[in-house]
Amino acid sequence: LVTRVSPLLLFSTHYHSLTDELRGNRSVALHHMSCMVDDKNQSVTFLHKLARGSTTESYGLHCARAAGLHSLLLDRAEEKKREMERDSAHLGIRQAVLFQASWRASLGG
């Protein structure tokens, strides 16, 4: 996409494999939105400030908690998140491997 289409902006959330794929590409500047995380209270405050570099963190569960989702659902989601992280680490893969494969296929690669 970067070499064929040359978009001015490519926005992605939760697909950290994209940053792995594009890191080091001179045509791409990686940035993220800054935030403050309080792990003790499991809250996140988005600062609406663009910062250089990528992030490997996802704050979806923090946002779900702030939105008032039921604690049983949040507990189960946290359990599945840990399970997926453990399994992917064991297999030596990162998030969104399936997405990455379909992304490449859509580009004819």
N, C-alpha and C. Protein backbone atom coordinates (compact mmCIF):
# COMPACT_ATOMS: atom_id res chain seq x y z
N LEU A 1 0.83 -1.18 0.00
CA LEU A 1 0.00 0.00 0.00
C LEU A 1 0.88 1.25 0.00
N VAL A 2 1.90 1.23 0.81
CA VAL A 2 2.79 2.40 0.90
C VAL A 2 3.51 2.65 -0.41
N THR A 3 3.95 1.59 -1.08
CA THR A 3 4.71 1.77 -2.32
C THR A 3 3.83 1.92 -3.54
N ARG A 4 2.65 1.32 -3.53
CA ARG A 4 1.78 1.39 -4.71
C ARG A 4 0.86 2.60 -4.71
N VAL A 5 0.25 2.91 -3.59
CA VAL A 5 -0.76 3.96 -3.52
C VAL A 5 -0.18 5.27 -2.98
N SER A 6 0.79 5.19 -2.10
CA SER A 6 1.41 6.34 -1.44
C SER A 6 0.40 7.26 -0.75
N PRO A 7 -0.39 6.70 0.18
CA PRO A 7 -1.37 7.55 0.87
C PRO A 7 -0.67 8.57 1.76
N LEU A 8 -1.34 9.70 1.99
CA LEU A 8 -0.80 10.70 2.89
C LEU A 8 -0.96 10.27 4.34
N LEU A 9 -1.97 9.44 4.61
CA LEU A 9 -2.24 9.01 5.97
C LEU A 9 -2.75 7.57 5.96
N LEU A 10 -2.22 6.76 6.83
CA LEU A 10 -2.70 5.40 7.05
C LEU A 10 -2.92 5.26 8.53
N PHE A 11 -4.13 5.02 8.93
CA PHE A 11 -4.49 4.97 10.34
C PHE A 11 -4.86 3.54 10.71
N SER A 12 -4.36 3.08 11.82
CA SER A 12 -4.67 1.72 12.26
C SER A 12 -4.72 1.65 13.77
N THR A 13 -5.63 0.86 14.28
CA THR A 13 -5.66 0.57 15.71
C THR A 13 -5.62 -0.93 15.88
N HIS A 14 -4.94 -1.38 16.87
CA HIS A 14 -4.90 -2.78 17.29
C HIS A 14 -4.16 -3.72 16.34
N TYR A 15 -3.62 -3.23 15.25
CA TYR A 15 -2.87 -4.10 14.35
C TYR A 15 -1.39 -3.75 14.47
N HIS A 16 -0.81 -4.21 15.55
CA HIS A 16 0.59 -3.88 15.83
C HIS A 16 1.53 -4.47 14.81
N SER A 17 1.09 -5.51 14.10
CA SER A 17 1.95 -6.08 13.07
C SER A 17 2.18 -5.09 11.93
N LEU A 18 1.27 -4.13 11.75
CA LEU A 18 1.49 -3.10 10.72
C LEU A 18 2.71 -2.26 11.06
N THR A 19 2.87 -1.92 12.33
CA THR A 19 4.03 -1.12 12.69
C THR A 19 5.31 -1.93 12.52
N ASP A 20 5.24 -3.22 12.81
CA ASP A 20 6.40 -4.08 12.59
C ASP A 20 6.75 -4.12 11.11
N GLU A 21 5.73 -4.20 10.28
CA GLU A 21 5.92 -4.29 8.84
C GLU A 21 6.52 -2.99 8.28
N LEU A 22 6.10 -1.85 8.81
CA LEU A 22 6.48 -0.56 8.23
C LEU A 22 7.64 0.13 8.94
N ARG A 23 8.05 -0.40 10.09
CA ARG A 23 9.17 0.19 10.82
C ARG A 23 10.42 0.17 9.94
N GLY A 24 11.08 1.28 9.85
CA GLY A 24 12.29 1.36 9.04
C GLY A 24 12.04 1.80 7.61
N ASN A 25 10.77 1.85 7.20
CA ASN A 25 10.45 2.33 5.86
C ASN A 25 10.59 3.85 5.85
N ARG A 26 11.44 4.36 4.99
CA ARG A 26 11.72 5.80 4.98
C ARG A 26 10.52 6.63 4.53
N SER A 27 9.52 6.00 3.93
CA SER A 27 8.33 6.74 3.47
C SER A 27 7.27 6.83 4.54
N VAL A 28 7.51 6.20 5.69
CA VAL A 28 6.49 6.11 6.74
C VAL A 28 7.01 6.72 8.04
N ALA A 29 6.17 7.53 8.67
CA ALA A 29 6.47 8.08 9.99
C ALA A 29 5.45 7.50 10.97
N LEU A 30 5.91 6.76 11.94
CA LEU A 30 5.02 6.14 12.92
C LEU A 30 4.76 7.10 14.08
N HIS A 31 3.50 7.22 14.45
CA HIS A 31 3.10 8.07 15.57
C HIS A 31 1.96 7.39 16.33
N HIS A 32 1.70 7.86 17.52
CA HIS A 32 0.57 7.35 18.31
C HIS A 32 0.02 8.50 19.16
N MET A 33 -1.17 8.28 19.70
CA MET A 33 -1.77 9.28 20.58
C MET A 33 -1.32 8.98 22.01
N SER A 34 -0.77 9.99 22.66
CA SER A 34 -0.29 9.83 24.04
C SER A 34 -1.45 9.59 25.01
N CYS A 35 -1.15 8.89 26.08
CA CYS A 35 -2.15 8.67 27.11
C CYS A 35 -1.46 8.41 28.44
N MET A 36 -2.21 8.59 29.51
CA MET A 36 -1.74 8.25 30.85
C MET A 36 -2.54 7.04 31.31
N VAL A 37 -1.85 6.03 31.80
CA VAL A 37 -2.51 4.80 32.23
C VAL A 37 -2.32 4.62 33.72
N ASP A 38 -3.42 4.36 34.41
CA ASP A 38 -3.39 4.04 35.83
C ASP A 38 -3.76 2.57 35.95
N ASP A 39 -2.72 1.72 36.02
CA ASP A 39 -2.96 0.28 36.08
C ASP A 39 -3.67 -0.13 37.37
N LYS A 40 -3.40 0.58 38.45
CA LYS A 40 -4.04 0.25 39.72
C LYS A 40 -5.56 0.38 39.62
N ASN A 41 -6.01 1.48 39.03
CA ASN A 41 -7.46 1.70 38.88
C ASN A 41 -7.97 1.22 37.52
N GLN A 42 -7.07 0.69 36.70
CA GLN A 42 -7.39 0.22 35.36
C GLN A 42 -8.13 1.28 34.55
N SER A 43 -7.53 2.47 34.51
CA SER A 43 -8.12 3.57 33.75
C SER A 43 -7.08 4.15 32.81
N VAL A 44 -7.56 4.81 31.79
CA VAL A 44 -6.69 5.44 30.80
C VAL A 44 -7.25 6.84 30.51
N THR A 45 -6.34 7.79 30.40
CA THR A 45 -6.72 9.15 30.02
C THR A 45 -5.99 9.48 28.74
N PHE A 46 -6.73 9.68 27.67
CA PHE A 46 -6.12 10.03 26.39
C PHE A 46 -5.82 11.52 26.38
N LEU A 47 -4.59 11.87 26.02
CA LEU A 47 -4.12 13.24 26.11
C LEU A 47 -4.34 14.04 24.83
N HIS A 48 -4.80 13.39 23.78
CA HIS A 48 -5.04 14.05 22.49
C HIS A 48 -3.80 14.78 22.00
N LYS A 49 -2.65 14.12 22.18
CA LYS A 49 -1.37 14.68 21.76
C LYS A 49 -0.65 13.63 20.92
N LEU A 50 -0.27 14.01 19.73
CA LEU A 50 0.43 13.11 18.82
C LEU A 50 1.88 12.99 19.27
N ALA A 51 2.35 11.76 19.38
CA ALA A 51 3.73 11.50 19.81
C ALA A 51 4.42 10.61 18.78
N ARG A 52 5.72 10.78 18.66
CA ARG A 52 6.50 9.96 17.72
C ARG A 52 6.58 8.51 18.19
N GLY A 53 6.69 7.62 17.22
CA GLY A 53 6.85 6.21 17.51
C GLY A 53 5.52 5.48 17.57
N SER A 54 5.62 4.18 17.72
CA SER A 54 4.42 3.35 17.80
C SER A 54 4.24 2.89 19.23
N THR A 55 3.12 2.27 19.47
CA THR A 55 2.85 1.70 20.78
C THR A 55 2.50 0.23 20.61
N THR A 56 2.84 -0.56 21.57
CA THR A 56 2.49 -1.98 21.51
C THR A 56 1.33 -2.29 22.44
N GLU A 57 0.81 -1.27 23.09
CA GLU A 57 -0.27 -1.47 24.05
C GLU A 57 -1.63 -1.23 23.42
N SER A 58 -2.63 -1.90 23.97
CA SER A 58 -4.01 -1.68 23.59
C SER A 58 -4.78 -1.36 24.86
N TYR A 59 -5.62 -0.37 24.79
CA TYR A 59 -6.35 0.05 25.98
C TYR A 59 -7.85 -0.21 25.85
N GLY A 60 -8.20 -1.20 25.03
CA GLY A 60 -9.60 -1.54 24.81
C GLY A 60 -10.33 -1.93 26.09
N LEU A 61 -9.68 -2.71 26.94
CA LEU A 61 -10.33 -3.11 28.19
C LEU A 61 -10.49 -1.93 29.14
N HIS A 62 -9.54 -1.03 29.14
CA HIS A 62 -9.67 0.18 29.95
C HIS A 62 -10.89 0.99 29.50
N CYS A 63 -11.02 1.12 28.18
CA CYS A 63 -12.15 1.89 27.62
C CYS A 63 -13.48 1.18 27.91
N ALA A 64 -13.49 -0.14 27.81
CA ALA A 64 -14.71 -0.90 28.09
C ALA A 64 -15.12 -0.73 29.55
N ARG A 65 -14.13 -0.71 30.43
CA ARG A 65 -14.41 -0.50 31.85
C ARG A 65 -15.00 0.89 32.08
N ALA A 66 -14.40 1.90 31.42
CA ALA A 66 -14.88 3.27 31.56
C ALA A 66 -16.29 3.43 30.99
N ALA A 67 -16.63 2.61 29.99
CA ALA A 67 -17.96 2.66 29.37
C ALA A 67 -19.01 1.95 30.22
N GLY A 68 -18.56 1.26 31.29
CA GLY A 68 -19.51 0.64 32.20
C GLY A 68 -19.91 -0.78 31.87
N LEU A 69 -19.12 -1.49 31.06
CA LEU A 69 -19.45 -2.88 30.79
C LEU A 69 -19.38 -3.69 32.08
N HIS A 70 -20.17 -4.73 32.13
CA HIS A 70 -20.30 -5.55 33.33
C HIS A 70 -18.96 -6.20 33.69
N SER A 71 -18.67 -6.28 34.97
CA SER A 71 -17.38 -6.80 35.44
C SER A 71 -17.16 -8.25 35.03
N LEU A 72 -18.22 -9.06 34.94
CA LEU A 72 -18.06 -10.46 34.51
C LEU A 72 -17.55 -10.52 33.07
N LEU A 73 -18.07 -9.66 32.23
CA LEU A 73 -17.62 -9.60 30.84
C LEU A 73 -16.18 -9.12 30.77
N LEU A 74 -15.84 -8.10 31.54
CA LEU A 74 -14.48 -7.57 31.55
C LEU A 74 -13.49 -8.60 32.08
N ASP A 75 -13.88 -9.33 33.13
CA ASP A 75 -13.00 -10.37 33.67
C ASP A 75 -12.73 -11.45 32.64
N ARG A 76 -13.78 -11.85 31.91
CA ARG A 76 -13.63 -12.89 30.88
C ARG A 76 -12.76 -12.37 29.72
N ALA A 77 -12.95 -11.12 29.35
CA ALA A 77 -12.14 -10.52 28.29
C ALA A 77 -10.67 -10.46 28.69
N GLU A 78 -10.40 -10.10 29.93
CA GLU A 78 -9.03 -10.05 30.44
C GLU A 78 -8.41 -11.45 30.42
N GLU A 79 -9.19 -12.43 30.80
CA GLU A 79 -8.71 -13.82 30.79
C GLU A 79 -8.37 -14.26 29.37
N LYS A 80 -9.23 -13.95 28.40
CA LYS A 80 -8.98 -14.32 27.01
C LYS A 80 -7.77 -13.56 26.45
N LYS A 81 -7.62 -12.31 26.85
CA LYS A 81 -6.47 -11.52 26.40
C LYS A 81 -5.17 -12.17 26.87
N ARG A 82 -5.12 -12.51 28.14
CA ARG A 82 -3.91 -13.17 28.68
C ARG A 82 -3.66 -14.50 27.97
N GLU A 83 -4.71 -15.25 27.72
CA GLU A 83 -4.59 -16.54 27.02
C GLU A 83 -4.03 -16.34 25.61
N MET A 84 -4.56 -15.37 24.89
CA MET A 84 -4.09 -15.11 23.53
C MET A 84 -2.64 -14.62 23.53
N GLU A 85 -2.29 -13.77 24.48
CA GLU A 85 -0.91 -13.29 24.57
C GLU A 85 0.04 -14.43 24.88
N ARG A 86 -0.37 -15.30 25.79
CA ARG A 86 0.45 -16.46 26.14
C ARG A 86 0.63 -17.38 24.94
N ASP A 87 -0.47 -17.67 24.24
CA ASP A 87 -0.41 -18.56 23.08
C ASP A 87 0.44 -17.97 21.96
N SER A 88 0.27 -16.68 21.69
CA SER A 88 1.03 -16.07 20.61
C SER A 88 2.51 -16.00 20.96
N ALA A 89 2.82 -15.74 22.23
CA ALA A 89 4.23 -15.73 22.65
C ALA A 89 4.83 -17.12 22.52
N HIS A 90 4.05 -18.13 22.89
CA HIS A 90 4.51 -19.52 22.79
C HIS A 90 4.79 -19.90 21.34
N LEU A 91 3.94 -19.41 20.43
CA LEU A 91 4.10 -19.73 19.01
C LEU A 91 5.09 -18.81 18.31
N GLY A 92 5.52 -17.75 19.01
CA GLY A 92 6.47 -16.83 18.42
C GLY A 92 5.85 -15.90 17.39
N ILE A 93 4.56 -15.62 17.56
CA ILE A 93 3.89 -14.72 16.62
C ILE A 93 3.37 -13.51 17.35
N ARG A 94 3.08 -12.47 16.59
CA ARG A 94 2.52 -11.25 17.15
C ARG A 94 1.07 -11.13 16.74
N GLN A 95 0.43 -10.15 17.26
CA GLN A 95 -0.98 -9.87 17.01
C GLN A 95 -1.25 -9.69 15.52
N ALA A 96 -2.40 -10.12 15.11
CA ALA A 96 -2.94 -9.86 13.77
C ALA A 96 -2.21 -10.57 12.64
N VAL A 97 -1.73 -11.77 12.87
CA VAL A 97 -1.07 -12.52 11.81
C VAL A 97 -2.05 -12.82 10.69
N LEU A 98 -3.28 -13.18 11.03
CA LEU A 98 -4.28 -13.44 10.00
C LEU A 98 -4.60 -12.18 9.22
N PHE A 99 -4.69 -11.06 9.92
CA PHE A 99 -4.94 -9.80 9.24
C PHE A 99 -3.80 -9.50 8.27
N GLN A 100 -2.60 -9.70 8.73
CA GLN A 100 -1.45 -9.38 7.91
C GLN A 100 -1.47 -10.21 6.62
N ALA A 101 -1.83 -11.48 6.73
CA ALA A 101 -1.88 -12.34 5.54
C ALA A 101 -2.96 -11.85 4.57
N SER A 102 -4.14 -11.48 5.09
CA SER A 102 -5.20 -11.02 4.21
C SER A 102 -4.86 -9.64 3.63
N TRP A 103 -4.15 -8.82 4.41
CA TRP A 103 -3.72 -7.51 3.95
C TRP A 103 -2.79 -7.66 2.76
N ARG A 104 -1.83 -8.56 2.87
CA ARG A 104 -0.89 -8.80 1.77
C ARG A 104 -1.63 -9.31 0.55
N ALA A 105 -2.57 -10.24 0.76
CA ALA A 105 -3.32 -10.80 -0.35
C ALA A 105 -4.12 -9.72 -1.07
N SER A 106 -4.69 -8.78 -0.32
CA SER A 106 -5.49 -7.72 -0.95
C SER A 106 -4.63 -6.79 -1.81
N LEU A 107 -3.32 -6.77 -1.54
CA LEU A 107 -2.40 -5.94 -2.32
C LEU A 107 -1.77 -6.72 -3.47
N GLY A 108 -2.19 -7.99 -3.58
CA GLY A 108 -1.64 -8.81 -4.64
C GLY A 108 -0.28 -9.37 -4.30
N GLY A 109 0.08 -9.34 -2.99
CA GLY A 109 1.40 -9.82 -2.57
C GLY A 109 1.39 -11.19 -2.00
